[in-house]
Amino acid sequence: MLKDFTLPIDDAPDLEFHGELLARVTSSPEPRADNFSRHLGRWTELAVYRTASGTFVCQEVRCSKRSGEQDRSRRASAAATERAVIAFFKQTALAKRLYAAAGITNGKASPK
């Protein structure tokens, strides 16, 4: 189902588009969680959307619940291809979970 989105971005205008959320994944600020971020009180949220025209939109937010801190490093970008989505998020464990949830093909590396 398509809807309107506005994604806040640090040091740039917000990104507005009409589309759908394909997948969202998050690490956890809690040490006992299986997806612990390795940073107590901090976690990362990744999301990938598809616009009505077929372009992907990538979003990363680094969150904090530490005293005196606020969410930081809000970044988002349009990506024309799955390869561009992977270039935005890289090959972190969290990003790989996002690709699997979104149905994005993340090619296997072959031995040299």
Protein backbone atom coordinates (compact mmCIF):
# COMPACT_ATOMS: atom_id res chain seq x y z
CA MET A 1 0.00 0.00 0.00
CA LEU A 2 1.49 3.32 -1.09
CA LYS A 3 1.52 6.30 1.25
CA ASP A 4 3.35 9.58 1.80
CA PHE A 5 6.60 9.55 3.80
CA THR A 6 8.79 12.34 5.16
CA LEU A 7 12.22 11.22 6.38
CA PRO A 8 14.22 13.72 8.46
CA ILE A 9 17.86 14.03 7.41
CA ASP A 10 20.67 15.71 9.34
CA ASP A 11 22.15 18.78 7.63
CA ALA A 12 19.88 18.51 4.57
CA PRO A 13 16.23 19.02 3.64
CA ASP A 14 13.86 16.23 4.68
CA LEU A 15 13.23 13.58 2.02
CA GLU A 16 9.58 13.38 0.95
CA PHE A 17 8.14 10.68 -1.33
CA HIS A 18 5.11 8.51 -2.08
CA GLY A 19 5.81 4.81 -1.76
CA GLU A 20 5.85 1.75 0.47
CA LEU A 21 8.05 0.44 3.25
CA LEU A 22 9.73 -2.78 2.08
CA ALA A 23 11.55 -3.64 5.32
CA ARG A 24 12.81 -2.20 8.58
CA VAL A 25 15.35 -3.79 10.94
CA THR A 26 16.92 -2.61 14.16
CA SER A 27 19.69 -3.55 16.50
CA SER A 28 19.02 -3.38 20.25
CA PRO A 29 20.49 -1.21 23.02
CA GLU A 30 19.97 -4.07 25.49
CA PRO A 31 22.93 -6.44 26.13
CA ARG A 32 20.69 -9.49 26.59
CA ALA A 33 19.06 -9.12 23.17
CA ASP A 34 20.20 -11.39 20.34
CA ASN A 35 20.57 -8.31 18.12
CA PHE A 36 22.57 -6.25 20.69
CA SER A 37 24.22 -3.25 19.05
CA ARG A 38 27.40 -3.66 21.14
CA HIS A 39 26.80 -0.11 22.43
CA LEU A 40 24.79 0.03 25.65
CA GLY A 41 21.92 2.48 25.24
CA ARG A 42 22.51 2.95 21.51
CA TRP A 43 21.08 1.17 18.48
CA THR A 44 20.70 1.50 14.72
CA GLU A 45 17.53 1.45 12.63
CA LEU A 46 17.65 0.68 8.91
CA ALA A 47 14.75 0.92 6.48
CA VAL A 48 14.32 0.55 2.75
CA TYR A 49 11.34 1.86 0.81
CA ARG A 50 10.22 1.73 -2.82
CA THR A 51 8.69 4.84 -4.39
CA ALA A 52 5.70 4.79 -6.71
CA SER A 53 8.15 5.17 -9.63
CA GLY A 54 10.25 2.17 -8.52
CA THR A 55 13.22 3.98 -6.98
CA PHE A 56 14.49 2.67 -3.64
CA VAL A 57 14.89 4.99 -0.65
CA CYS A 58 17.43 3.99 2.02
CA GLN A 59 17.30 5.31 5.58
CA GLU A 60 19.68 4.89 8.53
CA VAL A 61 19.15 6.38 11.98
CA ARG A 62 21.60 5.95 14.85
CA CYS A 63 19.52 6.17 18.02
CA SER A 64 20.38 6.76 21.66
CA LYS A 65 18.61 6.65 24.98
CA ARG A 66 21.72 7.74 26.90
CA SER A 67 21.26 10.72 29.17
CA GLY A 68 22.05 13.96 27.31
CA GLU A 69 22.13 12.28 23.88
CA GLN A 70 19.61 12.38 21.08
CA ASP A 71 19.20 10.44 17.84
CA ARG A 72 22.04 11.30 15.52
CA SER A 73 23.28 10.63 12.05
CA ARG A 74 19.92 10.55 10.33
CA ARG A 75 20.73 9.89 6.70
CA ALA A 76 18.66 8.87 3.72
CA SER A 77 19.20 8.63 0.00
CA ALA A 78 17.50 7.52 -3.19
CA ALA A 79 18.94 4.44 -4.90
CA ALA A 80 18.06 3.38 -8.43
CA THR A 81 19.10 -0.28 -8.09
CA GLU A 82 19.54 -3.03 -5.50
CA ARG A 83 23.29 -2.64 -5.96
CA ALA A 84 22.98 1.04 -5.00
CA VAL A 85 20.99 0.04 -1.89
CA ILE A 86 23.84 -2.30 -0.91
CA ALA A 87 26.39 0.46 -1.55
CA PHE A 88 24.46 2.72 0.86
CA PHE A 89 24.13 0.20 3.72
CA LYS A 90 27.32 -1.82 3.06
CA GLN A 91 27.68 -5.42 4.30
CA THR A 92 27.06 -5.18 8.04
CA ALA A 93 25.17 -7.97 9.79
CA LEU A 94 22.22 -5.60 10.30
CA ALA A 95 22.23 -4.60 6.61
CA LYS A 96 22.22 -8.26 5.57
CA ARG A 97 19.12 -8.79 7.72
CA LEU A 98 17.51 -5.84 5.93
CA TYR A 99 18.32 -7.28 2.49
CA ALA A 100 16.79 -10.63 3.44
CA ALA A 101 13.65 -8.98 4.85
CA ALA A 102 13.25 -6.77 1.77
CA GLY A 103 13.95 -9.53 -0.74
CA ILE A 104 17.05 -7.73 -2.05
CA THR A 105 19.54 -10.04 -3.74
CA ASN A 106 22.88 -9.77 -1.98
CA GLY A 107 25.33 -11.76 -4.12
CA LYS A 108 27.71 -14.24 -2.56
CA ALA A 109 31.45 -13.56 -2.71
CA SER A 110 33.43 -16.25 -4.46
CA PRO A 111 36.84 -17.41 -3.21
CA LYS A 112 39.84 -16.05 -5.06
